[in-house]
Amino acid sequence: MRGIVTTIILGLLLTTGCSTANHQMATQDQNYNAPLSIYSAMDSTSLVYSDPMAASQANDNPYRWLGFILHPVGLLVDYTVNRPLYTIASLAPYVFGYTAEDSMIDSQRR
């Protein structure tokens, strides 16, 4: 009995979760801003038809700046931890489970 009640409650929650989507769309349409161009800034042909810099956002994503700052840290960890572990594992593949796929991935590094 308890499982049936739980199933009914879960079913009601899942089916009524999007019941306010139309109301939200109506309020969003009132604040609609027309795009600067009909072409996507990611489209390679947009350079011909529009100015992609004008279509880009005014402020860059802060996570992108965090990625720029942490990239050298990731390279340091790759060269000091990851690559030596791959080298050690390649010396005894049966002990460490080093496979042909691991060898291929390791050989494709720059």
C-alpha atoms as a PDB file:
ATOM      1  CA  MET A   1       0.000   0.000   0.000  1.00  0.00           C
ATOM      2  CA  ARG A   2       2.811   2.374   0.880  1.00  0.00           C
ATOM      3  CA  GLY A   3       4.474   1.784  -2.511  1.00  0.00           C
ATOM      4  CA  ILE A   4       1.252   2.629  -4.351  1.00  0.00           C
ATOM      5  CA  VAL A   5       0.859   5.908  -2.458  1.00  0.00           C
ATOM      6  CA  THR A   6       4.478   6.795  -3.133  1.00  0.00           C
ATOM      7  CA  THR A   7       4.037   5.990  -6.819  1.00  0.00           C
ATOM      8  CA  ILE A   8       0.903   8.147  -7.046  1.00  0.00           C
ATOM      9  CA  ILE A   9       2.584  11.086  -5.296  1.00  0.00           C
ATOM     10  CA  LEU A  10       5.672  10.775  -7.483  1.00  0.00           C
ATOM     11  CA  GLY A  11       3.493  10.551 -10.593  1.00  0.00           C
ATOM     12  CA  LEU A  12       1.584  13.693  -9.598  1.00  0.00           C
ATOM     13  CA  LEU A  13       4.802  15.594  -8.949  1.00  0.00           C
ATOM     14  CA  LEU A  14       6.281  14.556 -12.293  1.00  0.00           C
ATOM     15  CA  THR A  15       3.174  15.387 -14.315  1.00  0.00           C
ATOM     16  CA  THR A  16       2.443  18.753 -12.701  1.00  0.00           C
ATOM     17  CA  GLY A  17       6.012  20.043 -12.590  1.00  0.00           C
ATOM     18  CA  CYS A  18       5.707  21.939 -15.886  1.00  0.00           C
ATOM     19  CA  SER A  19       2.177  23.228 -15.424  1.00  0.00           C
ATOM     20  CA  THR A  20       3.371  26.836 -15.086  1.00  0.00           C
ATOM     21  CA  ALA A  21       5.580  26.824 -18.202  1.00  0.00           C
ATOM     22  CA  ASN A  22       3.073  28.797 -20.301  1.00  0.00           C
ATOM     23  CA  HIS A  23       2.754  31.492 -17.660  1.00  0.00           C
ATOM     24  CA  GLN A  24       6.531  31.852 -17.454  1.00  0.00           C
ATOM     25  CA  MET A  25       6.800  32.130 -21.231  1.00  0.00           C
ATOM     26  CA  ALA A  26       4.182  34.899 -21.253  1.00  0.00           C
ATOM     27  CA  THR A  27       6.176  36.987 -18.792  1.00  0.00           C
ATOM     28  CA  GLN A  28       9.435  36.348 -20.622  1.00  0.00           C
ATOM     29  CA  ASP A  29       7.942  37.540 -23.921  1.00  0.00           C
ATOM     30  CA  GLN A  30       7.252  40.943 -22.417  1.00  0.00           C
ATOM     31  CA  ASN A  31      10.989  41.448 -21.838  1.00  0.00           C
ATOM     32  CA  TYR A  32      12.109  40.161 -25.238  1.00  0.00           C
ATOM     33  CA  ASN A  33      15.190  41.801 -26.704  1.00  0.00           C
ATOM     34  CA  ALA A  34      15.727  41.356 -30.403  1.00  0.00           C
ATOM     35  CA  PRO A  35      19.085  39.816 -31.368  1.00  0.00           C
ATOM     36  CA  LEU A  36      21.658  41.976 -33.096  1.00  0.00           C
ATOM     37  CA  SER A  37      21.865  39.489 -35.921  1.00  0.00           C
ATOM     38  CA  ILE A  38      19.888  36.521 -37.145  1.00  0.00           C
ATOM     39  CA  TYR A  39      23.131  34.574 -37.503  1.00  0.00           C
ATOM     40  CA  SER A  40      24.813  32.705 -34.672  1.00  0.00           C
ATOM     41  CA  ALA A  41      28.117  34.084 -33.437  1.00  0.00           C
ATOM     42  CA  MET A  42      29.410  30.487 -33.517  1.00  0.00           C
ATOM     43  CA  ASP A  43      28.617  30.134 -37.238  1.00  0.00           C
ATOM     44  CA  SER A  44      31.723  30.385 -39.402  1.00  0.00           C
ATOM     45  CA  THR A  45      29.808  32.257 -42.113  1.00  0.00           C
ATOM     46  CA  SER A  46      28.616  34.896 -39.652  1.00  0.00           C
ATOM     47  CA  LEU A  47      31.810  36.858 -40.313  1.00  0.00           C
ATOM     48  CA  VAL A  48      30.530  37.488 -43.814  1.00  0.00           C
ATOM     49  CA  TYR A  49      27.034  38.560 -42.829  1.00  0.00           C
ATOM     50  CA  SER A  50      27.381  40.274 -39.479  1.00  0.00           C
ATOM     51  CA  ASP A  51      29.725  41.453 -36.764  1.00  0.00           C
ATOM     52  CA  PRO A  52      30.203  38.591 -34.244  1.00  0.00           C
ATOM     53  CA  MET A  53      31.720  40.954 -31.675  1.00  0.00           C
ATOM     54  CA  ALA A  54      28.510  42.956 -31.691  1.00  0.00           C
ATOM     55  CA  ALA A  55      26.506  39.783 -31.078  1.00  0.00           C
ATOM     56  CA  SER A  56      28.678  38.640 -28.179  1.00  0.00           C
ATOM     57  CA  GLN A  57      27.809  39.387 -24.591  1.00  0.00           C
ATOM     58  CA  ALA A  58      29.217  42.479 -22.952  1.00  0.00           C
ATOM     59  CA  ASN A  59      30.897  40.627 -20.083  1.00  0.00           C
ATOM     60  CA  ASP A  60      32.802  37.392 -20.447  1.00  0.00           C
ATOM     61  CA  ASN A  61      31.935  34.357 -18.346  1.00  0.00           C
ATOM     62  CA  PRO A  62      33.884  34.396 -15.031  1.00  0.00           C
ATOM     63  CA  TYR A  63      34.413  30.623 -15.217  1.00  0.00           C
ATOM     64  CA  ARG A  64      36.399  31.180 -18.407  1.00  0.00           C
ATOM     65  CA  TRP A  65      38.780  33.469 -16.513  1.00  0.00           C
ATOM     66  CA  LEU A  66      39.025  30.873 -13.753  1.00  0.00           C
ATOM     67  CA  GLY A  67      39.929  28.317 -16.433  1.00  0.00           C
ATOM     68  CA  PHE A  68      42.670  30.605 -17.761  1.00  0.00           C
ATOM     69  CA  ILE A  69      44.103  31.017 -14.267  1.00  0.00           C
ATOM     70  CA  LEU A  70      43.955  27.296 -13.362  1.00  0.00           C
ATOM     71  CA  HIS A  71      45.265  25.972 -16.702  1.00  0.00           C
ATOM     72  CA  PRO A  72      48.952  26.134 -15.635  1.00  0.00           C
ATOM     73  CA  VAL A  73      48.039  24.270 -12.430  1.00  0.00           C
ATOM     74  CA  GLY A  74      46.432  21.515 -14.507  1.00  0.00           C
ATOM     75  CA  LEU A  75      49.503  21.264 -16.710  1.00  0.00           C
ATOM     76  CA  LEU A  76      51.728  21.026 -13.649  1.00  0.00           C
ATOM     77  CA  VAL A  77      49.621  18.166 -12.237  1.00  0.00           C
ATOM     78  CA  ASP A  78      49.617  16.443 -15.638  1.00  0.00           C
ATOM     79  CA  TYR A  79      53.396  16.533 -15.970  1.00  0.00           C
ATOM     80  CA  THR A  80      54.224  15.728 -12.338  1.00  0.00           C
ATOM     81  CA  VAL A  81      51.537  13.137 -11.497  1.00  0.00           C
ATOM     82  CA  ASN A  82      49.640  11.787 -14.479  1.00  0.00           C
ATOM     83  CA  ARG A  83      52.409  11.213 -17.022  1.00  0.00           C
ATOM     84  CA  PRO A  84      54.777   9.475 -14.573  1.00  0.00           C
ATOM     85  CA  LEU A  85      51.931   7.171 -13.498  1.00  0.00           C
ATOM     86  CA  TYR A  86      51.302   6.213 -17.127  1.00  0.00           C
ATOM     87  CA  THR A  87      55.021   5.528 -17.571  1.00  0.00           C
ATOM     88  CA  ILE A  88      55.177   3.338 -14.454  1.00  0.00           C
ATOM     89  CA  ALA A  89      52.024   1.474 -15.484  1.00  0.00           C
ATOM     90  CA  SER A  90      53.428   0.818 -18.966  1.00  0.00           C
ATOM     91  CA  LEU A  91      56.449  -0.945 -17.446  1.00  0.00           C
ATOM     92  CA  ALA A  92      54.240  -3.670 -15.912  1.00  0.00           C
ATOM     93  CA  PRO A  93      50.956  -3.693 -17.866  1.00  0.00           C
ATOM     94  CA  TYR A  94      49.594  -6.917 -16.341  1.00  0.00           C
ATOM     95  CA  VAL A  95      50.091  -5.674 -12.798  1.00  0.00           C
ATOM     96  CA  PHE A  96      48.489  -2.254 -13.338  1.00  0.00           C
ATOM     97  CA  GLY A  97      45.910  -3.148 -16.017  1.00  0.00           C
ATOM     98  CA  TYR A  98      47.578  -0.983 -18.636  1.00  0.00           C
ATOM     99  CA  THR A  99      45.769  -1.700 -21.905  1.00  0.00           C
ATOM    100  CA  ALA A 100      46.304  -0.924 -25.577  1.00  0.00           C
ATOM    101  CA  GLU A 101      43.783   1.916 -25.262  1.00  0.00           C
ATOM    102  CA  ASP A 102      45.838   3.444 -22.458  1.00  0.00           C
ATOM    103  CA  SER A 103      48.927   3.186 -24.625  1.00  0.00           C
ATOM    104  CA  MET A 104      47.122   4.880 -27.515  1.00  0.00           C
ATOM    105  CA  ILE A 105      45.901   7.731 -25.282  1.00  0.00           C
ATOM    106  CA  ASP A 106      49.363   8.181 -23.818  1.00  0.00           C
ATOM    107  CA  SER A 107      50.996   8.274 -27.267  1.00  0.00           C
ATOM    108  CA  GLN A 108      48.607  11.004 -28.480  1.00  0.00           C
ATOM    109  CA  ARG A 109      49.717  13.524 -25.855  1.00  0.00           C
ATOM    110  CA  ARG A 110      51.594  16.593 -26.978  1.00  0.00           C
END
